[in-house]
C-alpha atoms as a PDB file:
ATOM      1  CA  UNK A   1      -4.247   8.207   7.601  1.00  0.00           C
ATOM      2  CA  UNK A   2      -7.561   8.294   5.670  1.00  0.00           C
ATOM      3  CA  UNK A   3      -7.490   8.990   2.188  1.00  0.00           C
ATOM      4  CA  UNK A   4     -11.173  10.110   1.593  1.00  0.00           C
ATOM      5  CA  UNK A   5     -10.498  12.896  -0.663  1.00  0.00           C
ATOM      6  CA  UNK A   6     -10.657  13.496  -4.055  1.00  0.00           C
ATOM      7  CA  UNK A   7      -7.714  12.578  -6.175  1.00  0.00           C
ATOM      8  CA  UNK A   8      -8.724  12.230  -9.659  1.00  0.00           C
ATOM      9  CA  UNK A   9      -9.535  15.618 -11.579  1.00  0.00           C
ATOM     10  CA  UNK A  10     -10.769  16.079 -15.736  1.00  0.00           C
ATOM     11  CA  UNK A  11      -8.111  18.682 -16.199  1.00  0.00           C
ATOM     12  CA  UNK A  12      -5.292  16.762 -14.786  1.00  0.00           C
ATOM     13  CA  UNK A  13      -2.365  16.301 -17.769  1.00  0.00           C
ATOM     14  CA  UNK A  14      -1.891  13.605 -19.206  1.00  0.00           C
ATOM     15  CA  UNK A  15       0.580  12.355 -21.084  1.00  0.00           C
ATOM     16  CA  UNK A  16       0.442  11.502 -24.807  1.00  0.00           C
ATOM     17  CA  UNK A  17       2.530   8.601 -26.725  1.00  0.00           C
ATOM     18  CA  UNK A  18       3.291   7.259 -29.786  1.00  0.00           C
ATOM     19  CA  UNK A  19       3.471   3.309 -29.758  1.00  0.00           C
ATOM     20  CA  UNK A  20       7.138   3.396 -28.699  1.00  0.00           C
ATOM     21  CA  UNK A  21       6.231   5.134 -25.419  1.00  0.00           C
ATOM     22  CA  UNK A  22       7.516   8.489 -26.469  1.00  0.00           C
ATOM     23  CA  UNK A  23       6.034  11.625 -25.277  1.00  0.00           C
ATOM     24  CA  UNK A  24       4.461  13.896 -28.211  1.00  0.00           C
ATOM     25  CA  UNK A  25       2.198  16.142 -26.230  1.00  0.00           C
ATOM     26  CA  UNK A  26      -0.194  16.438 -22.920  1.00  0.00           C
ATOM     27  CA  UNK A  27      -3.872  16.617 -22.673  1.00  0.00           C
ATOM     28  CA  UNK A  28      -6.401  17.083 -20.154  1.00  0.00           C
ATOM     29  CA  UNK A  29      -8.264  13.812 -18.655  1.00  0.00           C
ATOM     30  CA  UNK A  30     -11.249  14.515 -20.053  1.00  0.00           C
ATOM     31  CA  UNK A  31      -9.966  15.103 -23.597  1.00  0.00           C
ATOM     32  CA  UNK A  32      -7.973  12.584 -23.784  1.00  0.00           C
ATOM     33  CA  UNK A  33     -10.456   9.729 -23.270  1.00  0.00           C
ATOM     34  CA  UNK A  34     -13.309  11.473 -25.306  1.00  0.00           C
ATOM     35  CA  UNK A  35     -14.913   9.772 -28.303  1.00  0.00           C
ATOM     36  CA  UNK A  36     -12.330   7.380 -29.454  1.00  0.00           C
ATOM     37  CA  UNK A  37      -9.595   8.604 -27.111  1.00  0.00           C
ATOM     38  CA  UNK A  38      -6.377   9.713 -27.779  1.00  0.00           C
ATOM     39  CA  UNK A  39      -3.270   7.582 -26.414  1.00  0.00           C
ATOM     40  CA  UNK A  40      -1.604   8.227 -23.215  1.00  0.00           C
ATOM     41  CA  UNK A  41       0.274   6.758 -20.970  1.00  0.00           C
ATOM     42  CA  UNK A  42      -1.519   4.475 -18.334  1.00  0.00           C
ATOM     43  CA  UNK A  43      -0.619   1.611 -15.449  1.00  0.00           C
ATOM     44  CA  UNK A  44      -2.044  -1.260 -13.750  1.00  0.00           C
ATOM     45  CA  UNK A  45      -1.009  -2.618 -10.752  1.00  0.00           C
ATOM     46  CA  UNK A  46      -1.899  -6.507  -9.066  1.00  0.00           C
ATOM     47  CA  UNK A  47      -1.520  -6.053  -5.414  1.00  0.00           C
ATOM     48  CA  UNK A  48      -1.727 -10.076  -4.011  1.00  0.00           C
ATOM     49  CA  UNK A  49      -1.506 -10.679  -0.187  1.00  0.00           C
ATOM     50  CA  UNK A  50       0.727 -13.549   1.236  1.00  0.00           C
ATOM     51  CA  UNK A  51      -2.387 -16.127   1.178  1.00  0.00           C
ATOM     52  CA  UNK A  52      -1.981 -15.682  -2.193  1.00  0.00           C
ATOM     53  CA  UNK A  53      -4.959 -14.101  -3.521  1.00  0.00           C
ATOM     54  CA  UNK A  54      -5.258 -10.849  -5.961  1.00  0.00           C
ATOM     55  CA  UNK A  55      -6.929  -7.305  -4.833  1.00  0.00           C
ATOM     56  CA  UNK A  56     -10.035  -6.636  -6.734  1.00  0.00           C
ATOM     57  CA  UNK A  57     -11.342  -3.286  -6.708  1.00  0.00           C
ATOM     58  CA  UNK A  58     -15.093  -2.178  -7.771  1.00  0.00           C
ATOM     59  CA  UNK A  59     -14.300   1.175 -10.003  1.00  0.00           C
ATOM     60  CA  UNK A  60     -16.564   4.275  -7.600  1.00  0.00           C
ATOM     61  CA  UNK A  61     -20.207   5.024  -9.670  1.00  0.00           C
ATOM     62  CA  UNK A  62     -18.908   8.569  -9.940  1.00  0.00           C
ATOM     63  CA  UNK A  63     -16.493   7.597 -12.971  1.00  0.00           C
ATOM     64  CA  UNK A  64     -17.540   8.494 -16.161  1.00  0.00           C
ATOM     65  CA  UNK A  65     -16.257   5.309 -17.788  1.00  0.00           C
ATOM     66  CA  UNK A  66     -16.872   1.876 -16.525  1.00  0.00           C
ATOM     67  CA  UNK A  67     -18.350   2.641 -12.962  1.00  0.00           C
ATOM     68  CA  UNK A  68     -19.519  -0.081 -10.711  1.00  0.00           C
ATOM     69  CA  UNK A  69     -17.046  -2.490 -12.995  1.00  0.00           C
ATOM     70  CA  UNK A  70     -14.767  -5.056 -11.174  1.00  0.00           C
ATOM     71  CA  UNK A  71     -10.891  -4.190 -12.177  1.00  0.00           C
ATOM     72  CA  UNK A  72      -7.627  -5.007 -10.962  1.00  0.00           C
ATOM     73  CA  UNK A  73      -5.948  -3.611  -7.504  1.00  0.00           C
ATOM     74  CA  UNK A  74      -5.025  -0.326  -8.352  1.00  0.00           C
ATOM     75  CA  UNK A  75      -4.960   1.778 -12.056  1.00  0.00           C
ATOM     76  CA  UNK A  76      -3.878   5.101 -13.001  1.00  0.00           C
ATOM     77  CA  UNK A  77      -1.941   7.329 -15.581  1.00  0.00           C
ATOM     78  CA  UNK A  78       1.279   9.267 -14.465  1.00  0.00           C
ATOM     79  CA  UNK A  79       0.954  12.936 -14.524  1.00  0.00           C
ATOM     80  CA  UNK A  80       3.329  15.518 -16.477  1.00  0.00           C
ATOM     81  CA  UNK A  81       6.905  15.462 -15.311  1.00  0.00           C
ATOM     82  CA  UNK A  82       5.545  12.013 -13.092  1.00  0.00           C
ATOM     83  CA  UNK A  83       8.027   8.869 -13.464  1.00  0.00           C
ATOM     84  CA  UNK A  84       5.662   5.545 -13.401  1.00  0.00           C
ATOM     85  CA  UNK A  85       7.600   4.659 -10.267  1.00  0.00           C
ATOM     86  CA  UNK A  86       5.848   7.768  -8.667  1.00  0.00           C
ATOM     87  CA  UNK A  87       3.098   7.625 -10.269  1.00  0.00           C
ATOM     88  CA  UNK A  88       2.325   3.836  -9.350  1.00  0.00           C
ATOM     89  CA  UNK A  89       3.267   4.733  -5.517  1.00  0.00           C
ATOM     90  CA  UNK A  90       1.619   7.551  -5.076  1.00  0.00           C
ATOM     91  CA  UNK A  91      -1.774   6.317  -6.796  1.00  0.00           C
ATOM     92  CA  UNK A  92      -1.588   2.908  -4.203  1.00  0.00           C
ATOM     93  CA  UNK A  93      -1.580   5.567  -1.214  1.00  0.00           C
ATOM     94  CA  UNK A  94      -4.366   7.928  -3.025  1.00  0.00           C
ATOM     95  CA  UNK A  95      -6.643   5.259  -3.658  1.00  0.00           C
ATOM     96  CA  UNK A  96      -5.860   2.086  -1.083  1.00  0.00           C
ATOM     97  CA  UNK A  97      -3.574   3.903   1.691  1.00  0.00           C
ATOM     98  CA  UNK A  98      -0.739   1.459   1.386  1.00  0.00           C
ATOM     99  CA  UNK A  99       2.871   1.285  -0.454  1.00  0.00           C
ATOM    100  CA  UNK A 100       4.760  -1.383  -1.617  1.00  0.00           C
ATOM    101  CA  UNK A 101       7.733  -2.859  -3.962  1.00  0.00           C
ATOM    102  CA  UNK A 102       6.186  -3.082  -7.537  1.00  0.00           C
ATOM    103  CA  UNK A 103       7.510  -5.410 -10.322  1.00  0.00           C
ATOM    104  CA  UNK A 104       7.197  -4.148 -13.560  1.00  0.00           C
ATOM    105  CA  UNK A 105       5.800  -7.244 -15.994  1.00  0.00           C
ATOM    106  CA  UNK A 106       5.230  -5.945 -19.344  1.00  0.00           C
ATOM    107  CA  UNK A 107       3.604  -2.775 -21.358  1.00  0.00           C
ATOM    108  CA  UNK A 108       0.972  -3.799 -24.225  1.00  0.00           C
ATOM    109  CA  UNK A 109      -1.599  -1.112 -26.018  1.00  0.00           C
ATOM    110  CA  UNK A 110      -4.676  -1.165 -25.982  1.00  0.00           C
ATOM    111  CA  UNK A 111      -8.325   0.467 -26.993  1.00  0.00           C
ATOM    112  CA  UNK A 112     -11.791  -0.118 -25.292  1.00  0.00           C
ATOM    113  CA  UNK A 113     -14.861   2.011 -25.767  1.00  0.00           C
ATOM    114  CA  UNK A 114     -17.467   2.393 -23.566  1.00  0.00           C
ATOM    115  CA  UNK A 115     -20.845   1.447 -23.997  1.00  0.00           C
ATOM    116  CA  UNK A 116     -20.026   0.799 -27.810  1.00  0.00           C
ATOM    117  CA  UNK A 117     -23.725  -0.086 -28.397  1.00  0.00           C
ATOM    118  CA  UNK A 118     -24.999   3.031 -26.991  1.00  0.00           C
ATOM    119  CA  UNK A 119     -24.365   6.792 -26.976  1.00  0.00           C
ATOM    120  CA  UNK A 120     -20.780   7.972 -27.190  1.00  0.00           C
ATOM    121  CA  UNK A 121     -19.673   8.024 -23.941  1.00  0.00           C
ATOM    122  CA  UNK A 122     -15.785   7.799 -24.553  1.00  0.00           C
ATOM    123  CA  UNK A 123     -12.695   5.274 -24.961  1.00  0.00           C
ATOM    124  CA  UNK A 124      -9.707   4.204 -23.186  1.00  0.00           C
ATOM    125  CA  UNK A 125      -6.567   4.216 -25.330  1.00  0.00           C
ATOM    126  CA  UNK A 126      -3.662   3.500 -23.638  1.00  0.00           C
ATOM    127  CA  UNK A 127      -0.363   2.067 -23.599  1.00  0.00           C
ATOM    128  CA  UNK A 128      -0.552   0.545 -20.301  1.00  0.00           C
ATOM    129  CA  UNK A 129       2.113  -0.598 -18.260  1.00  0.00           C
ATOM    130  CA  UNK A 130       1.225  -3.347 -15.696  1.00  0.00           C
ATOM    131  CA  UNK A 131       2.737  -3.804 -12.686  1.00  0.00           C
ATOM    132  CA  UNK A 132       2.678  -6.492  -9.459  1.00  0.00           C
ATOM    133  CA  UNK A 133       3.213  -6.146  -5.586  1.00  0.00           C
ATOM    134  CA  UNK A 134       2.541  -8.274  -2.669  1.00  0.00           C
ATOM    135  CA  UNK A 135       1.443  -6.446   0.419  1.00  0.00           C
ATOM    136  CA  UNK A 136       1.278  -8.054   3.958  1.00  0.00           C
ATOM    137  CA  UNK A 137      -1.223  -8.932   6.883  1.00  0.00           C
ATOM    138  CA  UNK A 138       0.096  -5.469   8.696  1.00  0.00           C
ATOM    139  CA  UNK A 139      -1.036  -3.639   5.943  1.00  0.00           C
ATOM    140  CA  UNK A 140      -4.443  -1.779   6.426  1.00  0.00           C
ATOM    141  CA  UNK A 141      -6.005  -1.057   3.156  1.00  0.00           C
ATOM    142  CA  UNK A 142      -8.105   2.297   3.201  1.00  0.00           C
ATOM    143  CA  UNK A 143     -10.094   2.619   0.222  1.00  0.00           C
ATOM    144  CA  UNK A 144     -11.089   6.258  -0.965  1.00  0.00           C
ATOM    145  CA  UNK A 145     -14.575   6.270  -1.669  1.00  0.00           C
ATOM    146  CA  UNK A 146     -14.147   8.864  -4.634  1.00  0.00           C
ATOM    147  CA  UNK A 147     -12.515   6.378  -6.256  1.00  0.00           C
ATOM    148  CA  UNK A 148     -13.690   2.761  -5.418  1.00  0.00           C
ATOM    149  CA  UNK A 149     -17.115   1.301  -4.459  1.00  0.00           C
ATOM    150  CA  UNK A 150     -15.580  -2.162  -2.959  1.00  0.00           C
ATOM    151  CA  UNK A 151     -12.851  -4.205  -2.614  1.00  0.00           C
ATOM    152  CA  UNK A 152     -12.243  -7.784  -2.247  1.00  0.00           C
ATOM    153  CA  UNK A 153      -9.569 -10.330  -2.101  1.00  0.00           C
ATOM    154  CA  UNK A 154      -9.961 -13.592  -4.529  1.00  0.00           C
ATOM    155  CA  UNK A 155      -7.784 -16.529  -5.227  1.00  0.00           C
ATOM    156  CA  UNK A 156      -6.343 -17.162  -8.690  1.00  0.00           C
ATOM    157  CA  UNK A 157      -8.924 -19.859  -9.708  1.00  0.00           C
ATOM    158  CA  UNK A 158     -11.723 -17.303  -8.502  1.00  0.00           C
ATOM    159  CA  UNK A 159     -10.212 -14.370 -10.284  1.00  0.00           C
ATOM    160  CA  UNK A 160     -10.932 -16.599 -13.524  1.00  0.00           C
ATOM    161  CA  UNK A 161     -13.946 -17.967 -12.858  1.00  0.00           C
ATOM    162  CA  UNK A 162     -15.174 -14.264 -12.461  1.00  0.00           C
ATOM    163  CA  UNK A 163     -13.939 -13.035 -15.216  1.00  0.00           C
ATOM    164  CA  UNK A 164     -15.973 -16.152 -16.866  1.00  0.00           C
ATOM    165  CA  UNK A 165     -18.476 -16.144 -15.558  1.00  0.00           C
ATOM    166  CA  UNK A 166     -19.532 -12.061 -15.558  1.00  0.00           C
ATOM    167  CA  UNK A 167     -17.475 -10.745 -18.351  1.00  0.00           C
ATOM    168  CA  UNK A 168     -19.799  -7.944 -18.595  1.00  0.00           C
ATOM    169  CA  UNK A 169     -18.655  -6.885 -15.109  1.00  0.00           C
ATOM    170  CA  UNK A 170     -15.393  -6.360 -15.481  1.00  0.00           C
ATOM    171  CA  UNK A 171     -12.736  -3.846 -17.242  1.00  0.00           C
ATOM    172  CA  UNK A 172     -12.075  -4.470 -20.473  1.00  0.00           C
ATOM    173  CA  UNK A 173      -7.998  -3.981 -19.263  1.00  0.00           C
ATOM    174  CA  UNK A 174      -8.005  -6.113 -16.436  1.00  0.00           C
ATOM    175  CA  UNK A 175      -9.694  -8.918 -18.599  1.00  0.00           C
ATOM    176  CA  UNK A 176      -6.597  -8.259 -21.206  1.00  0.00           C
ATOM    177  CA  UNK A 177      -4.110  -8.052 -18.678  1.00  0.00           C
ATOM    178  CA  UNK A 178      -4.933 -10.552 -15.926  1.00  0.00           C
ATOM    179  CA  UNK A 179      -5.485 -13.842 -19.139  1.00  0.00           C
ATOM    180  CA  UNK A 180      -1.944 -12.469 -20.093  1.00  0.00           C
ATOM    181  CA  UNK A 181      -0.309 -12.722 -17.240  1.00  0.00           C
ATOM    182  CA  UNK A 182      -2.051 -16.231 -15.907  1.00  0.00           C
ATOM    183  CA  UNK A 183      -1.066 -17.334 -19.614  1.00  0.00           C
ATOM    184  CA  UNK A 184       2.843 -15.076 -20.055  1.00  0.00           C
ATOM    185  CA  UNK A 185       4.249 -14.950 -17.160  1.00  0.00           C
ATOM    186  CA  UNK A 186       3.011 -17.529 -14.700  1.00  0.00           C
ATOM    187  CA  UNK A 187       6.767 -17.970 -13.363  1.00  0.00           C
ATOM    188  CA  UNK A 188       6.576 -14.503 -11.975  1.00  0.00           C
ATOM    189  CA  UNK A 189       2.728 -14.876 -10.489  1.00  0.00           C
ATOM    190  CA  UNK A 190       3.838 -18.426  -8.696  1.00  0.00           C
ATOM    191  CA  UNK A 191       5.527 -16.366  -5.570  1.00  0.00           C
ATOM    192  CA  UNK A 192       2.417 -14.226  -5.320  1.00  0.00           C
ATOM    193  CA  UNK A 193      -0.836 -16.481  -6.574  1.00  0.00           C
ATOM    194  CA  UNK A 194      -1.886 -19.567  -4.892  1.00  0.00           C
END
């Protein structure tokens, strides 16, 4: 079934947290990303196929931050009252029309300002949980164009090359997460990545 519907809203409530992931409040998504940003919960998912390739997505041109940049398979935010598990599975369905078992790898805090040398557009300031998973060849991806402009499968070495050769076309969180996955968790990726 197609997921071609709008699934992100400026007024959706994000979960504000401290550095220990303790909830300290809620704020509309647009407000949480304004200026220097407000620390909030987020997640990133890396999906792999049986051939050991990772799915990358090019963000929609309608995204206010990092439009048309290449990023990991799926990323978003839990909403108020939503667990990480519920949020990750909801978003896989919303963006790609797939679902699979996910494995939590690590959580980290980062801040990235969009177009820091230009006008003040906004920032990501997230406490982000990183997950990996596998989808098999029977699962057909149906991208939601309100979220994704394009998708492609890349091998691990080709993904490494993309980050090295086109860093200005990659979202900052994707670059940070991929490098850390490769450097610190090679055993966790070994069964997924070739």
